[in-house]
Amino acid sequence: MGQISIYLDDDSESKIAAAAKACQLTTSEWLAEFIRQELSKQWSKEVYELAGVWPDFPIKSQGRQADDTDNV
């Protein structure tokens, strides 16, 4: 398991400490879980490679017809 050192402003440090305490975790445990969650939100390389694969895919600015279920 690796270790890292970071520098935080006082306000951020206080907020992290409070969040960790509320979850009954150490600051280190809370930060590790936060980082894991944030990293899991990233799209995989394969998803990024799909960008532009369908050159004829209509987009809203090209006159795509929206319907009641369209949230774009």
PDB file of N, CA and C in Angstrom:
ATOM      1  N   MET A   1       0.842  -1.170   0.000  1.00  0.00           N
ATOM      2  CA  MET A   1       0.000   0.000   0.000  1.00  0.00           C
ATOM      3  C   MET A   1       0.888   1.234   0.000  1.00  0.00           C
ATOM      4  N   GLY A   2       0.565   2.173  -0.868  1.00  0.00           N
ATOM      5  CA  GLY A   2       1.367   3.383  -0.971  1.00  0.00           C
ATOM      6  C   GLY A   2       0.938   4.458   0.010  1.00  0.00           C
ATOM      7  N   GLN A   3       1.830   5.382   0.203  1.00  0.00           N
ATOM      8  CA  GLN A   3       1.550   6.541   1.046  1.00  0.00           C
ATOM      9  C   GLN A   3       1.828   7.784   0.233  1.00  0.00           C
ATOM     10  N   ILE A   4       1.001   8.807   0.438  1.00  0.00           N
ATOM     11  CA  ILE A   4       1.244  10.095  -0.200  1.00  0.00           C
ATOM     12  C   ILE A   4       1.091  11.194   0.843  1.00  0.00           C
ATOM     13  N   SER A   5       1.724  12.297   0.590  1.00  0.00           N
ATOM     14  CA  SER A   5       1.576  13.475   1.446  1.00  0.00           C
ATOM     15  C   SER A   5       0.950  14.571   0.605  1.00  0.00           C
ATOM     16  N   ILE A   6      -0.013  15.273   1.185  1.00  0.00           N
ATOM     17  CA  ILE A   6      -0.635  16.395   0.487  1.00  0.00           C
ATOM     18  C   ILE A   6      -0.711  17.586   1.431  1.00  0.00           C
ATOM     19  N   TYR A   7      -0.784  18.748   0.848  1.00  0.00           N
ATOM     20  CA  TYR A   7      -0.936  19.974   1.623  1.00  0.00           C
ATOM     21  C   TYR A   7      -2.344  20.509   1.379  1.00  0.00           C
ATOM     22  N   LEU A   8      -3.055  20.796   2.468  1.00  0.00           N
ATOM     23  CA  LEU A   8      -4.415  21.300   2.386  1.00  0.00           C
ATOM     24  C   LEU A   8      -4.531  22.632   3.103  1.00  0.00           C
ATOM     25  N   ASP A   9      -5.443  23.456   2.626  1.00  0.00           N
ATOM     26  CA  ASP A   9      -5.750  24.670   3.372  1.00  0.00           C
ATOM     27  C   ASP A   9      -6.544  24.256   4.619  1.00  0.00           C
ATOM     28  N   ASP A  10      -6.577  25.124   5.602  1.00  0.00           N
ATOM     29  CA  ASP A  10      -7.211  24.799   6.880  1.00  0.00           C
ATOM     30  C   ASP A  10      -8.683  24.452   6.734  1.00  0.00           C
ATOM     31  N   ASP A  11      -9.393  25.164   5.881  1.00  0.00           N
ATOM     32  CA  ASP A  11     -10.820  24.914   5.699  1.00  0.00           C
ATOM     33  C   ASP A  11     -11.064  23.513   5.140  1.00  0.00           C
ATOM     34  N   SER A  12     -10.314  23.132   4.109  1.00  0.00           N
ATOM     35  CA  SER A  12     -10.471  21.797   3.525  1.00  0.00           C
ATOM     36  C   SER A  12     -10.136  20.712   4.532  1.00  0.00           C
ATOM     37  N   GLU A  13      -9.077  20.922   5.283  1.00  0.00           N
ATOM     38  CA  GLU A  13      -8.681  19.941   6.293  1.00  0.00           C
ATOM     39  C   GLU A  13      -9.785  19.762   7.333  1.00  0.00           C
ATOM     40  N   SER A  14     -10.389  20.850   7.760  1.00  0.00           N
ATOM     41  CA  SER A  14     -11.472  20.776   8.750  1.00  0.00           C
ATOM     42  C   SER A  14     -12.677  20.030   8.200  1.00  0.00           C
ATOM     43  N   LYS A  15     -13.027  20.320   6.959  1.00  0.00           N
ATOM     44  CA  LYS A  15     -14.171  19.644   6.336  1.00  0.00           C
ATOM     45  C   LYS A  15     -13.925  18.151   6.176  1.00  0.00           C
ATOM     46  N   ILE A  16     -12.726  17.774   5.785  1.00  0.00           N
ATOM     47  CA  ILE A  16     -12.386  16.362   5.634  1.00  0.00           C
ATOM     48  C   ILE A  16     -12.421  15.667   6.986  1.00  0.00           C
ATOM     49  N   ALA A  17     -11.866  16.292   7.997  1.00  0.00           N
ATOM     50  CA  ALA A  17     -11.868  15.713   9.347  1.00  0.00           C
ATOM     51  C   ALA A  17     -13.296  15.512   9.848  1.00  0.00           C
ATOM     52  N   ALA A  18     -14.160  16.488   9.606  1.00  0.00           N
ATOM     53  CA  ALA A  18     -15.553  16.383  10.042  1.00  0.00           C
ATOM     54  C   ALA A  18     -16.285  15.275   9.289  1.00  0.00           C
ATOM     55  N   ALA A  19     -16.050  15.175   7.991  1.00  0.00           N
ATOM     56  CA  ALA A  19     -16.689  14.132   7.188  1.00  0.00           C
ATOM     57  C   ALA A  19     -16.228  12.748   7.631  1.00  0.00           C
ATOM     58  N   ALA A  20     -14.949  12.608   7.902  1.00  0.00           N
ATOM     59  CA  ALA A  20     -14.404  11.332   8.363  1.00  0.00           C
ATOM     60  C   ALA A  20     -15.004  10.944   9.716  1.00  0.00           C
ATOM     61  N   LYS A  21     -15.076  11.897  10.607  1.00  0.00           N
ATOM     62  CA  LYS A  21     -15.643  11.637  11.936  1.00  0.00           C
ATOM     63  C   LYS A  21     -17.105  11.214  11.832  1.00  0.00           C
ATOM     64  N   ALA A  22     -17.863  11.885  10.959  1.00  0.00           N
ATOM     65  CA  ALA A  22     -19.272  11.550  10.770  1.00  0.00           C
ATOM     66  C   ALA A  22     -19.457  10.128  10.245  1.00  0.00           C
ATOM     67  N   CYS A  23     -18.479   9.656   9.492  1.00  0.00           N
ATOM     68  CA  CYS A  23     -18.534   8.293   8.949  1.00  0.00           C
ATOM     69  C   CYS A  23     -17.845   7.282   9.850  1.00  0.00           C
ATOM     70  N   GLN A  24     -17.345   7.750  10.978  1.00  0.00           N
ATOM     71  CA  GLN A  24     -16.603   6.919  11.927  1.00  0.00           C
ATOM     72  C   GLN A  24     -15.410   6.235  11.256  1.00  0.00           C
ATOM     73  N   LEU A  25     -14.688   7.040  10.457  1.00  0.00           N
ATOM     74  CA  LEU A  25     -13.482   6.581   9.777  1.00  0.00           C
ATOM     75  C   LEU A  25     -12.331   7.494  10.151  1.00  0.00           C
ATOM     76  N   THR A  26     -11.124   6.985   9.985  1.00  0.00           N
ATOM     77  CA  THR A  26      -9.976   7.872  10.121  1.00  0.00           C
ATOM     78  C   THR A  26      -9.941   8.773   8.894  1.00  0.00           C
ATOM     79  N   THR A  27      -9.227   9.867   8.994  1.00  0.00           N
ATOM     80  CA  THR A  27      -9.093  10.768   7.854  1.00  0.00           C
ATOM     81  C   THR A  27      -8.500  10.024   6.665  1.00  0.00           C
ATOM     82  N   SER A  28      -7.515   9.200   6.909  1.00  0.00           N
ATOM     83  CA  SER A  28      -6.878   8.429   5.847  1.00  0.00           C
ATOM     84  C   SER A  28      -7.866   7.473   5.182  1.00  0.00           C
ATOM     85  N   GLU A  29      -8.673   6.781   5.983  1.00  0.00           N
ATOM     86  CA  GLU A  29      -9.671   5.850   5.430  1.00  0.00           C
ATOM     87  C   GLU A  29     -10.708   6.605   4.602  1.00  0.00           C
ATOM     88  N   TRP A  30     -11.158   7.749   5.127  1.00  0.00           N
ATOM     89  CA  TRP A  30     -12.167   8.530   4.424  1.00  0.00           C
ATOM     90  C   TRP A  30     -11.636   9.029   3.087  1.00  0.00           C
ATOM     91  N   LEU A  31     -10.410   9.558   3.098  1.00  0.00           N
ATOM     92  CA  LEU A  31      -9.809  10.049   1.855  1.00  0.00           C
ATOM     93  C   LEU A  31      -9.602   8.924   0.844  1.00  0.00           C
ATOM     94  N   ALA A  32      -9.159   7.763   1.308  1.00  0.00           N
ATOM     95  CA  ALA A  32      -8.948   6.634   0.407  1.00  0.00           C
ATOM     96  C   ALA A  32     -10.268   6.223  -0.250  1.00  0.00           C
ATOM     97  N   GLU A  33     -11.342   6.183   0.527  1.00  0.00           N
ATOM     98  CA  GLU A  33     -12.655   5.821  -0.021  1.00  0.00           C
ATOM     99  C   GLU A  33     -13.155   6.892  -0.994  1.00  0.00           C
ATOM    100  N   PHE A  34     -12.967   8.148  -0.639  1.00  0.00           N
ATOM    101  CA  PHE A  34     -13.360   9.248  -1.519  1.00  0.00           C
ATOM    102  C   PHE A  34     -12.634   9.136  -2.863  1.00  0.00           C
ATOM    103  N   ILE A  35     -11.349   8.898  -2.815  1.00  0.00           N
ATOM    104  CA  ILE A  35     -10.561   8.766  -4.046  1.00  0.00           C
ATOM    105  C   ILE A  35     -11.028   7.572  -4.859  1.00  0.00           C
ATOM    106  N   ARG A  36     -11.265   6.431  -4.204  1.00  0.00           N
ATOM    107  CA  ARG A  36     -11.768   5.245  -4.916  1.00  0.00           C
ATOM    108  C   ARG A  36     -13.076   5.564  -5.638  1.00  0.00           C
ATOM    109  N   GLN A  37     -13.993   6.235  -4.952  1.00  0.00           N
ATOM    110  CA  GLN A  37     -15.280   6.577  -5.562  1.00  0.00           C
ATOM    111  C   GLN A  37     -15.107   7.515  -6.747  1.00  0.00           C
ATOM    112  N   GLU A  38     -14.265   8.510  -6.593  1.00  0.00           N
ATOM    113  CA  GLU A  38     -14.050   9.465  -7.688  1.00  0.00           C
ATOM    114  C   GLU A  38     -13.402   8.793  -8.896  1.00  0.00           C
ATOM    115  N   LEU A  39     -12.452   7.924  -8.645  1.00  0.00           N
ATOM    116  CA  LEU A  39     -11.775   7.252  -9.755  1.00  0.00           C
ATOM    117  C   LEU A  39     -12.696   6.270 -10.466  1.00  0.00           C
ATOM    118  N   SER A  40     -13.663   5.722  -9.747  1.00  0.00           N
ATOM    119  CA  SER A  40     -14.582   4.777 -10.384  1.00  0.00           C
ATOM    120  C   SER A  40     -15.564   5.484 -11.311  1.00  0.00           C
ATOM    121  N   LYS A  41     -15.670   6.799 -11.223  1.00  0.00           N
ATOM    122  CA  LYS A  41     -16.565   7.566 -12.084  1.00  0.00           C
ATOM    123  C   LYS A  41     -15.958   7.816 -13.464  1.00  0.00           C
ATOM    124  N   GLN A  42     -14.705   7.509 -13.628  1.00  0.00           N
ATOM    125  CA  GLN A  42     -14.028   7.760 -14.900  1.00  0.00           C
ATOM    126  C   GLN A  42     -14.464   6.749 -15.948  1.00  0.00           C
ATOM    127  N   TRP A  43     -14.629   7.208 -17.163  1.00  0.00           N
ATOM    128  CA  TRP A  43     -14.936   6.314 -18.259  1.00  0.00           C
ATOM    129  C   TRP A  43     -13.670   5.578 -18.676  1.00  0.00           C
ATOM    130  N   SER A  44     -13.832   4.376 -19.157  1.00  0.00           N
ATOM    131  CA  SER A  44     -12.687   3.585 -19.595  1.00  0.00           C
ATOM    132  C   SER A  44     -12.123   4.141 -20.902  1.00  0.00           C
ATOM    133  N   LYS A  45     -10.919   3.735 -21.216  1.00  0.00           N
ATOM    134  CA  LYS A  45     -10.249   4.148 -22.450  1.00  0.00           C
ATOM    135  C   LYS A  45     -11.090   3.780 -23.670  1.00  0.00           C
ATOM    136  N   GLU A  46     -11.744   2.631 -23.616  1.00  0.00           N
ATOM    137  CA  GLU A  46     -12.564   2.168 -24.739  1.00  0.00           C
ATOM    138  C   GLU A  46     -13.734   3.109 -25.023  1.00  0.00           C
ATOM    139  N   VAL A  47     -14.308   3.677 -23.978  1.00  0.00           N
ATOM    140  CA  VAL A  47     -15.413   4.609 -24.171  1.00  0.00           C
ATOM    141  C   VAL A  47     -14.912   5.864 -24.881  1.00  0.00           C
ATOM    142  N   TYR A  48     -13.776   6.390 -24.456  1.00  0.00           N
ATOM    143  CA  TYR A  48     -13.217   7.573 -25.104  1.00  0.00           C
ATOM    144  C   TYR A  48     -12.877   7.294 -26.572  1.00  0.00           C
ATOM    145  N   GLU A  49     -12.462   6.081 -26.869  1.00  0.00           N
ATOM    146  CA  GLU A  49     -12.117   5.725 -28.243  1.00  0.00           C
ATOM    147  C   GLU A  49     -13.338   5.694 -29.156  1.00  0.00           C
ATOM    148  N   LEU A  50     -14.528   5.602 -28.574  1.00  0.00           N
ATOM    149  CA  LEU A  50     -15.749   5.602 -29.376  1.00  0.00           C
ATOM    150  C   LEU A  50     -16.122   6.983 -29.902  1.00  0.00           C
ATOM    151  N   ALA A  51     -15.550   8.022 -29.340  1.00  0.00           N
ATOM    152  CA  ALA A  51     -15.874   9.382 -29.769  1.00  0.00           C
ATOM    153  C   ALA A  51     -15.582   9.550 -31.256  1.00  0.00           C
ATOM    154  N   GLY A  52     -16.604   9.954 -32.004  1.00  0.00           N
ATOM    155  CA  GLY A  52     -16.445  10.198 -33.432  1.00  0.00           C
ATOM    156  C   GLY A  52     -16.549   8.977 -34.317  1.00  0.00           C
ATOM    157  N   VAL A  53     -16.802   7.812 -33.746  1.00  0.00           N
ATOM    158  CA  VAL A  53     -16.876   6.583 -34.527  1.00  0.00           C
ATOM    159  C   VAL A  53     -18.058   6.604 -35.495  1.00  0.00           C
ATOM    160  N   TRP A  54     -19.148   7.257 -35.091  1.00  0.00           N
ATOM    161  CA  TRP A  54     -20.331   7.349 -35.940  1.00  0.00           C
ATOM    162  C   TRP A  54     -20.411   8.753 -36.532  1.00  0.00           C
ATOM    163  N   PRO A  55     -19.724   8.994 -37.635  1.00  0.00           N
ATOM    164  CA  PRO A  55     -19.682  10.355 -38.194  1.00  0.00           C
ATOM    165  C   PRO A  55     -21.047  10.854 -38.662  1.00  0.00           C
ATOM    166  N   ASP A  56     -21.992   9.974 -38.968  1.00  0.00           N
ATOM    167  CA  ASP A  56     -23.304  10.409 -39.446  1.00  0.00           C
ATOM    168  C   ASP A  56     -24.358  10.435 -38.329  1.00  0.00           C
ATOM    169  N   PHE A  57     -23.931  10.282 -37.084  1.00  0.00           N
ATOM    170  CA  PHE A  57     -24.866  10.309 -35.962  1.00  0.00           C
ATOM    171  C   PHE A  57     -25.387  11.735 -35.800  1.00  0.00           C
ATOM    172  N   PRO A  58     -26.711  11.934 -35.912  1.00  0.00           N
ATOM    173  CA  PRO A  58     -27.235  13.308 -35.837  1.00  0.00           C
ATOM    174  C   PRO A  58     -27.165  13.870 -34.427  1.00  0.00           C
ATOM    175  N   ILE A  59     -26.806  15.129 -34.346  1.00  0.00           N
ATOM    176  CA  ILE A  59     -26.805  15.814 -33.062  1.00  0.00           C
ATOM    177  C   ILE A  59     -27.848  16.927 -33.109  1.00  0.00           C
ATOM    178  N   LYS A  60     -28.187  17.462 -31.967  1.00  0.00           N
ATOM    179  CA  LYS A  60     -29.264  18.443 -31.876  1.00  0.00           C
ATOM    180  C   LYS A  60     -29.080  19.608 -32.844  1.00  0.00           C
ATOM    181  N   SER A  61     -27.867  20.120 -32.951  1.00  0.00           N
ATOM    182  CA  SER A  61     -27.626  21.265 -33.831  1.00  0.00           C
ATOM    183  C   SER A  61     -27.768  20.919 -35.305  1.00  0.00           C
ATOM    184  N   GLN A  62     -27.818  19.634 -35.636  1.00  0.00           N
ATOM    185  CA  GLN A  62     -27.969  19.216 -37.027  1.00  0.00           C
ATOM    186  C   GLN A  62     -29.418  18.837 -37.331  1.00  0.00           C
ATOM    187  N   GLY A  63     -30.350  19.225 -36.462  1.00  0.00           N
ATOM    188  CA  GLY A  63     -31.748  19.000 -36.759  1.00  0.00           C
ATOM    189  C   GLY A  63     -32.317  17.705 -36.226  1.00  0.00           C
ATOM    190  N   ARG A  64     -31.646  17.072 -35.284  1.00  0.00           N
ATOM    191  CA  ARG A  64     -32.180  15.858 -34.688  1.00  0.00           C
ATOM    192  C   ARG A  64     -33.523  16.191 -34.061  1.00  0.00           C
ATOM    193  N   GLN A  65     -34.518  15.364 -34.256  1.00  0.00           N
ATOM    194  CA  GLN A  65     -35.849  15.609 -33.713  1.00  0.00           C
ATOM    195  C   GLN A  65     -35.913  15.142 -32.271  1.00  0.00           C
ATOM    196  N   ALA A  66     -36.203  16.067 -31.367  1.00  0.00           N
ATOM    197  CA  ALA A  66     -36.342  15.739 -29.949  1.00  0.00           C
ATOM    198  C   ALA A  66     -37.782  15.312 -29.698  1.00  0.00           C
ATOM    199  N   ASP A  67     -37.951  14.458 -28.726  1.00  0.00           N
ATOM    200  CA  ASP A  67     -39.297  14.092 -28.302  1.00  0.00           C
ATOM    201  C   ASP A  67     -39.430  14.364 -26.809  1.00  0.00           C
ATOM    202  N   ASP A  68     -40.542  14.011 -26.245  1.00  0.00           N
ATOM    203  CA  ASP A  68     -40.797  14.295 -24.839  1.00  0.00           C
ATOM    204  C   ASP A  68     -39.812  13.609 -23.896  1.00  0.00           C
ATOM    205  N   THR A  69     -39.162  12.548 -24.342  1.00  0.00           N
ATOM    206  CA  THR A  69     -38.229  11.835 -23.469  1.00  0.00           C
ATOM    207  C   THR A  69     -36.801  12.318 -23.635  1.00  0.00           C
ATOM    208  N   ASP A  70     -36.578  13.259 -24.533  1.00  0.00           N
ATOM    209  CA  ASP A  70     -35.220  13.767 -24.804  1.00  0.00           C
ATOM    210  C   ASP A  70     -34.827  14.774 -23.737  1.00  0.00           C
ATOM    211  N   ASN A  71     -33.753  14.471 -23.010  1.00  0.00           N
ATOM    212  CA  ASN A  71     -33.287  15.349 -21.947  1.00  0.00           C
ATOM    213  C   ASN A  71     -32.055  16.136 -22.316  1.00  0.00           C
ATOM    214  N   VAL A  72     -31.670  16.133 -23.565  1.00  0.00           N
ATOM    215  CA  VAL A  72     -30.453  16.801 -23.995  1.00  0.00           C
ATOM    216  C   VAL A  72     -30.662  18.284 -24.088  1.00  0.00           C
TER     217      VAL A  72
END
